[in-house]
Amino acid sequence: MSCSKFPTWDKTFPQSEKVEHKKVQFMNRYGIKLSGDLYLPKDRGSEPLAALAISGPFGAVKEQSSGLYAQTMAERGFVTIAFDPSYTGESGGEPRNVASPDINTEDFSAAVDYLGLLPTVDRNRIGIIGICGFGGMGLNASAVDKRIKAVVTTSMYDMSRVMAKGLNDSLTKEGRSSFLESLSEQRNVDAQNGKPTPGPRILPETLEGNTSPITEEFFQYYRTPRGFHKNSPNSNGAWTATTPLSFMNMPLLTYVKEISPRPILLIAGDSAHSRYFSEDVYKAASEPKELLIVANANHVDLYDRMDKIPFDTIVSFFKENLK
């Protein structure tokens, strides 16, 4: 475990004068070194504080949405860490730009390990925030890691469900079989080459010829000055071609009921294409649970729109449940 101050500000959001900010590193239990940004309230007193581990969206890095959430919650009195998941951003792991339902779930618990060792943190008052695909990872981590006392998701995606079944469960049995055939054949190619093949770019270079409103929504965040970051796969790259394999065979939210009696707050935009993920988790989870639908908000609005993200509600939720 180590930490150092950043020489320059490299985020997609303005730096707060109310918060101390450090670059930190820590290991997960698979031996991968993770990089994070630690945010501490400047006016924090001497008593240990409640803490939050934050990550997402899927394909983003800590300099983007998760960092904004972390800094904002630190302004509100929490010790927070926004971290790059394994194989992405400044975190370790080879090959680059691969995702795993198991390892990325573990990354949340590794962040809890790190926070629990800080003298500024009360290790019995740690929660997590998962954004987009890391909402699903965060719920999965909370189900297995009893140290996580409360969990919030925003614009939650269940990456195992969407990869296995397609958006809105539109992938047919035949389509799934065909996709798995192609992924299996891709493994032969990768074995022959001795390295993984990158998949297609996550987002196009331009929107010319694009007919997908969802692609346009993501583009307006990741590929414009609003949210572009050179380290983000969504901004600047591609996942390995075989990344979907383990997600298609390992459902993330099998044990979501076991988060209870610890509380869940699920937040989604009323016009978000991903809204059904949060609604279905809400139905499947046991009490205590809350579903908050934000008016006039799409999926990406909850990444960075300060007038849309219900921070007052998030703060109240954690203050009530991380006493």
Protein backbone atom coordinates (compact mmCIF):
# COMPACT_ATOMS: atom_id res chain seq x y z
CA MET A 1 0.00 0.00 0.00
CA SER A 2 1.44 3.37 -0.96
CA CYS A 3 0.31 6.91 -1.69
CA SER A 4 1.62 10.12 -3.24
CA LYS A 5 0.24 13.48 -4.27
CA PHE A 6 -0.58 14.18 -7.91
CA PRO A 7 1.65 16.89 -9.41
CA THR A 8 -1.13 18.04 -11.74
CA TRP A 9 -4.89 17.73 -11.97
CA ASP A 10 -5.81 15.21 -14.66
CA LYS A 11 -9.56 14.78 -14.14
CA THR A 12 -12.55 15.59 -16.33
CA PHE A 13 -14.08 17.69 -13.52
CA PRO A 14 -12.82 20.73 -11.56
CA GLN A 15 -10.75 20.21 -8.44
CA SER A 16 -12.41 21.01 -5.14
CA GLU A 17 -10.72 23.26 -2.58
CA LYS A 18 -12.59 21.48 0.21
CA VAL A 19 -10.89 18.13 -0.30
CA GLU A 20 -7.39 16.64 -0.01
CA HIS A 21 -6.50 14.37 -2.90
CA LYS A 22 -3.85 11.66 -3.15
CA LYS A 23 -2.89 8.97 -5.61
CA VAL A 24 -2.81 5.53 -3.97
CA GLN A 25 -2.08 1.92 -4.87
CA PHE A 26 -3.18 -1.33 -3.28
CA MET A 27 -3.32 -5.02 -4.13
CA ASN A 28 -6.31 -7.23 -4.77
CA ARG A 29 -6.25 -10.85 -3.67
CA TYR A 30 -5.20 -11.98 -7.17
CA GLY A 31 -1.98 -10.00 -6.84
CA ILE A 32 -3.00 -7.21 -9.21
CA LYS A 33 -1.91 -3.74 -8.17
CA LEU A 34 -4.81 -1.29 -8.33
CA SER A 35 -4.55 2.48 -8.63
CA GLY A 36 -6.96 4.85 -7.01
CA ASP A 37 -7.61 8.46 -6.10
CA LEU A 38 -8.14 9.00 -2.39
CA TYR A 39 -10.25 11.99 -1.36
CA LEU A 40 -10.39 13.26 2.23
CA PRO A 41 -12.39 16.18 3.62
CA LYS A 42 -10.00 18.95 4.65
CA ASP A 43 -12.20 19.83 7.62
CA ARG A 44 -12.49 16.34 9.06
CA GLY A 45 -11.57 16.58 12.74
CA SER A 46 -9.82 13.78 14.57
CA GLU A 47 -12.48 11.05 14.68
CA PRO A 48 -12.44 8.21 12.11
CA LEU A 49 -14.99 8.75 9.32
CA ALA A 50 -17.31 6.63 7.24
CA ALA A 51 -15.78 5.70 3.88
CA LEU A 52 -16.89 4.83 0.36
CA ALA A 53 -15.28 2.79 -2.43
CA ILE A 54 -16.44 3.96 -5.86
CA SER A 55 -15.95 2.65 -9.39
CA GLY A 56 -17.48 2.73 -12.83
CA PRO A 57 -18.84 3.18 -15.36
CA PHE A 58 -17.84 0.03 -17.22
CA GLY A 59 -14.97 1.05 -19.50
CA ALA A 60 -14.35 4.31 -17.64
CA VAL A 61 -11.48 5.34 -15.37
CA LYS A 62 -11.18 7.07 -12.01
CA GLU A 63 -10.54 10.43 -13.64
CA GLN A 64 -14.09 10.42 -14.98
CA SER A 65 -17.45 9.82 -13.28
CA SER A 66 -16.27 7.79 -10.28
CA GLY A 67 -13.81 10.53 -9.36
CA LEU A 68 -16.53 13.15 -9.54
CA TYR A 69 -18.68 11.07 -7.19
CA ALA A 70 -15.72 10.48 -4.87
CA GLN A 71 -14.74 14.14 -4.66
CA THR A 72 -18.34 15.25 -4.14
CA MET A 73 -18.94 12.74 -1.36
CA ALA A 74 -15.66 13.75 0.29
CA GLU A 75 -16.92 17.33 0.29
CA ARG A 76 -19.89 15.96 2.23
CA GLY A 77 -17.74 14.41 4.92
CA PHE A 78 -16.79 10.91 3.72
CA VAL A 79 -13.35 9.42 3.04
CA THR A 80 -13.63 8.13 -0.52
CA ILE A 81 -11.61 6.23 -3.07
CA ALA A 82 -12.27 6.08 -6.80
CA PHE A 83 -10.28 3.28 -8.39
CA ASP A 84 -9.38 1.89 -11.78
CA PRO A 85 -10.50 -1.73 -12.13
CA SER A 86 -7.96 -4.43 -12.90
CA TYR A 87 -6.51 -4.37 -16.42
CA THR A 88 -7.63 -0.78 -17.10
CA GLY A 89 -6.41 2.77 -16.56
CA GLU A 90 -3.43 3.02 -14.23
CA SER A 91 -4.16 -0.31 -12.53
CA GLY A 92 -2.08 -3.37 -13.26
CA GLY A 93 -2.91 -6.63 -14.96
CA GLU A 94 -2.13 -8.12 -18.35
CA PRO A 95 -3.48 -8.17 -20.98
CA ARG A 96 -4.85 -4.66 -21.05
CA ASN A 97 -8.52 -3.77 -21.40
CA VAL A 98 -10.07 -7.04 -20.33
CA ALA A 99 -12.92 -7.37 -17.82
CA SER A 100 -13.94 -10.17 -15.49
CA PRO A 101 -17.09 -10.64 -13.38
CA ASP A 102 -14.99 -12.25 -10.65
CA ILE A 103 -11.88 -10.08 -10.64
CA ASN A 104 -13.79 -6.81 -11.02
CA THR A 105 -16.04 -7.82 -8.12
CA GLU A 106 -12.90 -8.55 -6.10
CA ASP A 107 -11.59 -5.07 -6.96
CA PHE A 108 -14.35 -3.54 -4.83
CA SER A 109 -13.43 -5.72 -1.87
CA ALA A 110 -9.75 -4.84 -2.32
CA ALA A 111 -10.71 -1.17 -2.10
CA VAL A 112 -12.55 -1.96 1.13
CA ASP A 113 -9.36 -3.68 2.37
CA TYR A 114 -7.43 -0.49 1.66
CA LEU A 115 -9.94 1.85 3.27
CA GLY A 116 -10.14 -0.31 6.38
CA LEU A 117 -6.43 0.16 7.04
CA LEU A 118 -6.57 3.97 7.02
CA PRO A 119 -6.45 5.65 10.45
CA THR A 120 -8.93 8.24 9.13
CA VAL A 121 -11.54 5.52 8.46
CA ASP A 122 -13.91 3.64 10.76
CA ARG A 123 -13.65 0.20 9.16
CA ASN A 124 -17.12 -0.69 10.45
CA ARG A 125 -18.67 2.14 8.41
CA ILE A 126 -17.72 1.40 4.80
CA GLY A 127 -20.11 1.51 1.84
CA ILE A 128 -19.77 1.46 -1.92
CA ILE A 129 -21.10 3.27 -4.97
CA GLY A 130 -21.18 1.43 -8.29
CA ILE A 131 -21.88 3.32 -11.50
CA CYS A 132 -23.21 1.66 -14.68
CA GLY A 133 -21.59 -1.79 -15.07
CA PHE A 134 -19.86 -1.41 -11.73
CA GLY A 135 -23.28 -1.11 -10.15
CA GLY A 136 -23.69 -4.80 -10.91
CA MET A 137 -20.17 -5.57 -9.67
CA GLY A 138 -20.86 -3.56 -6.52
CA LEU A 139 -24.03 -5.47 -5.76
CA ASN A 140 -22.19 -8.73 -6.33
CA ALA A 141 -19.38 -7.63 -4.00
CA SER A 142 -21.91 -6.58 -1.35
CA ALA A 143 -23.59 -9.98 -1.47
CA VAL A 144 -20.38 -11.78 -0.58
CA ASP A 145 -18.45 -9.18 1.44
CA LYS A 146 -20.22 -8.53 4.73
CA ARG A 147 -17.91 -5.60 5.54
CA ILE A 148 -19.85 -3.53 3.00
CA LYS A 149 -22.60 -1.99 5.11
CA ALA A 150 -24.59 -0.17 2.40
CA VAL A 151 -24.55 0.06 -1.40
CA VAL A 152 -25.71 2.65 -3.92
CA THR A 153 -25.90 2.10 -7.67
CA THR A 154 -26.51 4.71 -10.35
CA SER A 155 -27.46 3.90 -13.95
CA MET A 156 -26.84 0.26 -13.04
CA TYR A 157 -25.99 -2.28 -15.74
CA ASP A 158 -25.86 -6.02 -15.14
CA MET A 159 -22.98 -6.76 -17.51
CA SER A 160 -23.45 -10.53 -17.29
CA ARG A 161 -27.10 -10.22 -18.30
CA VAL A 162 -26.52 -7.80 -21.15
CA MET A 163 -23.65 -9.85 -22.56
CA ALA A 164 -25.50 -13.14 -22.17
CA LYS A 165 -28.89 -11.95 -23.39
CA GLY A 166 -28.40 -8.66 -25.20
CA LEU A 167 -29.93 -5.30 -24.39
CA ASN A 168 -33.53 -5.74 -23.26
CA ASP A 169 -32.89 -9.51 -23.38
CA SER A 170 -33.13 -9.36 -27.16
CA LEU A 171 -30.54 -12.05 -27.96
CA THR A 172 -32.20 -15.24 -29.18
CA LYS A 173 -31.01 -18.73 -28.28
CA GLU A 174 -29.66 -19.05 -31.81
CA GLY A 175 -27.97 -15.67 -31.61
CA ARG A 176 -26.31 -16.57 -28.32
CA SER A 177 -25.06 -19.86 -29.74
CA SER A 178 -23.68 -18.12 -32.82
CA PHE A 179 -21.95 -15.48 -30.70
CA LEU A 180 -20.35 -18.15 -28.52
CA GLU A 181 -19.20 -20.00 -31.65
CA SER A 182 -17.43 -16.86 -32.84
CA LEU A 183 -15.87 -16.21 -29.43
CA SER A 184 -14.69 -19.81 -29.22
CA GLU A 185 -13.10 -19.54 -32.65
CA GLN A 186 -11.49 -16.28 -31.60
CA ARG A 187 -9.70 -18.20 -28.86
CA ASN A 188 -8.06 -20.33 -31.57
CA VAL A 189 -6.88 -17.17 -33.30
CA ASP A 190 -5.56 -15.71 -30.05
CA ALA A 191 -3.81 -18.98 -29.16
CA GLN A 192 -2.17 -19.03 -32.60
CA ASN A 193 -1.04 -15.40 -32.23
CA GLY A 194 0.05 -15.79 -28.62
CA LYS A 195 -1.90 -12.73 -27.53
CA PRO A 196 -5.51 -11.53 -27.31
CA THR A 197 -7.05 -9.72 -30.25
CA PRO A 198 -8.66 -6.34 -29.55
CA GLY A 199 -12.34 -6.20 -30.33
CA PRO A 200 -13.93 -3.36 -32.28
CA ARG A 201 -13.61 0.15 -30.91
CA ILE A 202 -16.13 0.64 -28.12
CA LEU A 203 -17.22 3.94 -29.62
CA PRO A 204 -16.71 5.22 -33.17
CA GLU A 205 -14.31 8.02 -34.07
CA THR A 206 -17.24 10.13 -35.24
CA LEU A 207 -21.03 9.96 -35.26
CA GLU A 208 -21.18 10.12 -39.05
CA GLY A 209 -23.68 7.51 -40.22
CA ASN A 210 -24.65 6.57 -36.66
CA THR A 211 -28.33 5.69 -36.17
CA SER A 212 -28.19 4.56 -32.54
CA PRO A 213 -29.36 7.07 -29.91
CA ILE A 214 -27.60 5.01 -27.24
CA THR A 215 -24.29 5.25 -29.10
CA GLU A 216 -24.80 8.98 -29.46
CA GLU A 217 -25.51 9.31 -25.74
CA PHE A 218 -22.27 7.55 -24.79
CA PHE A 219 -20.34 9.42 -27.50
CA GLN A 220 -21.40 12.79 -26.09
CA TYR A 221 -19.73 11.87 -22.81
CA TYR A 222 -16.71 9.74 -23.67
CA ARG A 223 -15.65 11.21 -27.01
CA THR A 224 -16.08 14.93 -26.28
CA PRO A 225 -14.33 17.25 -23.81
CA ARG A 226 -17.23 16.64 -21.42
CA GLY A 227 -15.83 13.26 -20.36
CA PHE A 228 -12.96 12.21 -22.64
CA HIS A 229 -9.92 10.72 -20.92
CA LYS A 230 -6.99 9.12 -22.70
CA ASN A 231 -6.88 6.19 -20.24
CA SER A 232 -10.53 5.24 -20.66
CA PRO A 233 -11.28 2.26 -22.92
CA ASN A 234 -14.63 3.85 -23.76
CA SER A 235 -12.96 7.10 -24.77
CA ASN A 236 -9.97 5.73 -26.52
CA GLY A 237 -9.98 2.01 -27.17
CA ALA A 238 -11.49 -1.44 -27.20
CA TRP A 239 -11.98 -4.45 -24.96
CA THR A 240 -10.24 -7.69 -25.91
CA ALA A 241 -12.45 -9.58 -28.34
CA THR A 242 -13.08 -12.46 -25.91
CA THR A 243 -14.01 -10.29 -22.92
CA PRO A 244 -17.72 -11.34 -23.04
CA LEU A 245 -16.97 -15.04 -22.49
CA SER A 246 -16.96 -15.27 -18.69
CA PHE A 247 -19.78 -12.73 -18.32
CA MET A 248 -21.99 -14.88 -20.56
CA ASN A 249 -21.58 -17.87 -18.25
CA MET A 250 -21.41 -16.32 -14.76
CA PRO A 251 -24.49 -14.34 -13.65
CA LEU A 252 -23.45 -11.53 -11.33
CA LEU A 253 -26.64 -11.05 -9.35
CA THR A 254 -27.48 -14.61 -8.36
CA TYR A 255 -27.18 -13.83 -4.64
CA VAL A 256 -28.52 -10.28 -4.54
CA LYS A 257 -31.03 -11.30 -1.83
CA GLU A 258 -28.12 -12.00 0.50
CA ILE A 259 -27.23 -8.31 0.72
CA SER A 260 -30.13 -7.98 3.17
CA PRO A 261 -30.34 -6.79 5.95
CA ARG A 262 -27.83 -4.27 4.61
CA PRO A 263 -29.57 -1.55 2.56
CA ILE A 264 -29.55 -0.93 -1.20
CA LEU A 265 -30.33 2.33 -3.01
CA LEU A 266 -30.83 1.95 -6.77
CA ILE A 267 -30.88 5.16 -8.83
CA ALA A 268 -31.85 5.38 -12.50
CA GLY A 269 -32.95 8.03 -14.95
CA ASP A 270 -36.58 7.97 -16.03
CA SER A 271 -35.58 7.88 -19.71
CA ALA A 272 -32.49 5.68 -19.28
CA HIS A 273 -32.26 2.71 -21.65
CA SER A 274 -30.78 0.83 -18.67
CA ARG A 275 -33.63 1.60 -16.27
CA TYR A 276 -34.96 -1.96 -16.37
CA PHE A 277 -31.79 -3.33 -14.76
CA SER A 278 -32.39 -1.28 -11.60
CA GLU A 279 -36.10 -2.08 -11.60
CA ASP A 280 -35.45 -5.80 -11.89
CA VAL A 281 -32.83 -5.78 -9.12
CA TYR A 282 -35.27 -3.89 -6.94
CA LYS A 283 -37.85 -6.65 -7.50
CA ALA A 284 -35.30 -9.40 -6.81
CA ALA A 285 -33.59 -7.92 -3.75
CA SER A 286 -34.82 -8.28 -0.19
CA GLU A 287 -35.58 -5.37 2.12
CA PRO A 288 -34.30 -2.84 2.99
CA LYS A 289 -34.17 -1.45 -0.53
CA GLU A 290 -35.09 1.73 -2.35
CA LEU A 291 -35.53 2.57 -6.02
CA LEU A 292 -35.18 6.23 -7.01
CA ILE A 293 -36.14 7.23 -10.56
CA VAL A 294 -34.70 10.62 -11.49
CA ALA A 295 -36.97 12.80 -13.62
CA ASN A 296 -35.77 14.06 -17.00
CA ALA A 297 -32.57 12.01 -16.88
CA ASN A 298 -31.07 9.47 -19.25
CA HIS A 299 -28.40 6.86 -18.51
CA VAL A 300 -25.36 9.10 -19.02
CA ASP A 301 -26.85 12.12 -17.23
CA LEU A 302 -26.11 10.35 -13.95
CA TYR A 303 -22.41 10.15 -14.83
CA ASP A 304 -21.69 13.85 -14.38
CA ARG A 305 -24.72 16.15 -14.45
CA MET A 306 -24.60 17.78 -11.04
CA ASP A 307 -28.16 19.04 -11.47
CA LYS A 308 -29.36 15.47 -12.07
CA ILE A 309 -27.35 13.28 -9.69
CA PRO A 310 -29.30 13.18 -6.38
CA PHE A 311 -26.30 13.70 -4.11
CA ASP A 312 -28.43 14.95 -1.22
CA THR A 313 -30.31 11.64 -1.25
CA ILE A 314 -27.09 9.63 -1.52
CA VAL A 315 -25.54 11.52 1.39
CA SER A 316 -28.65 11.01 3.55
CA PHE A 317 -28.70 7.29 2.69
CA PHE A 318 -25.11 6.75 3.76
CA LYS A 319 -25.31 8.95 6.85
CA GLU A 320 -28.32 6.94 7.99
CA ASN A 321 -26.80 3.56 7.23
CA LEU A 322 -23.14 4.09 8.08
CA LYS A 323 -23.69 5.30 11.63
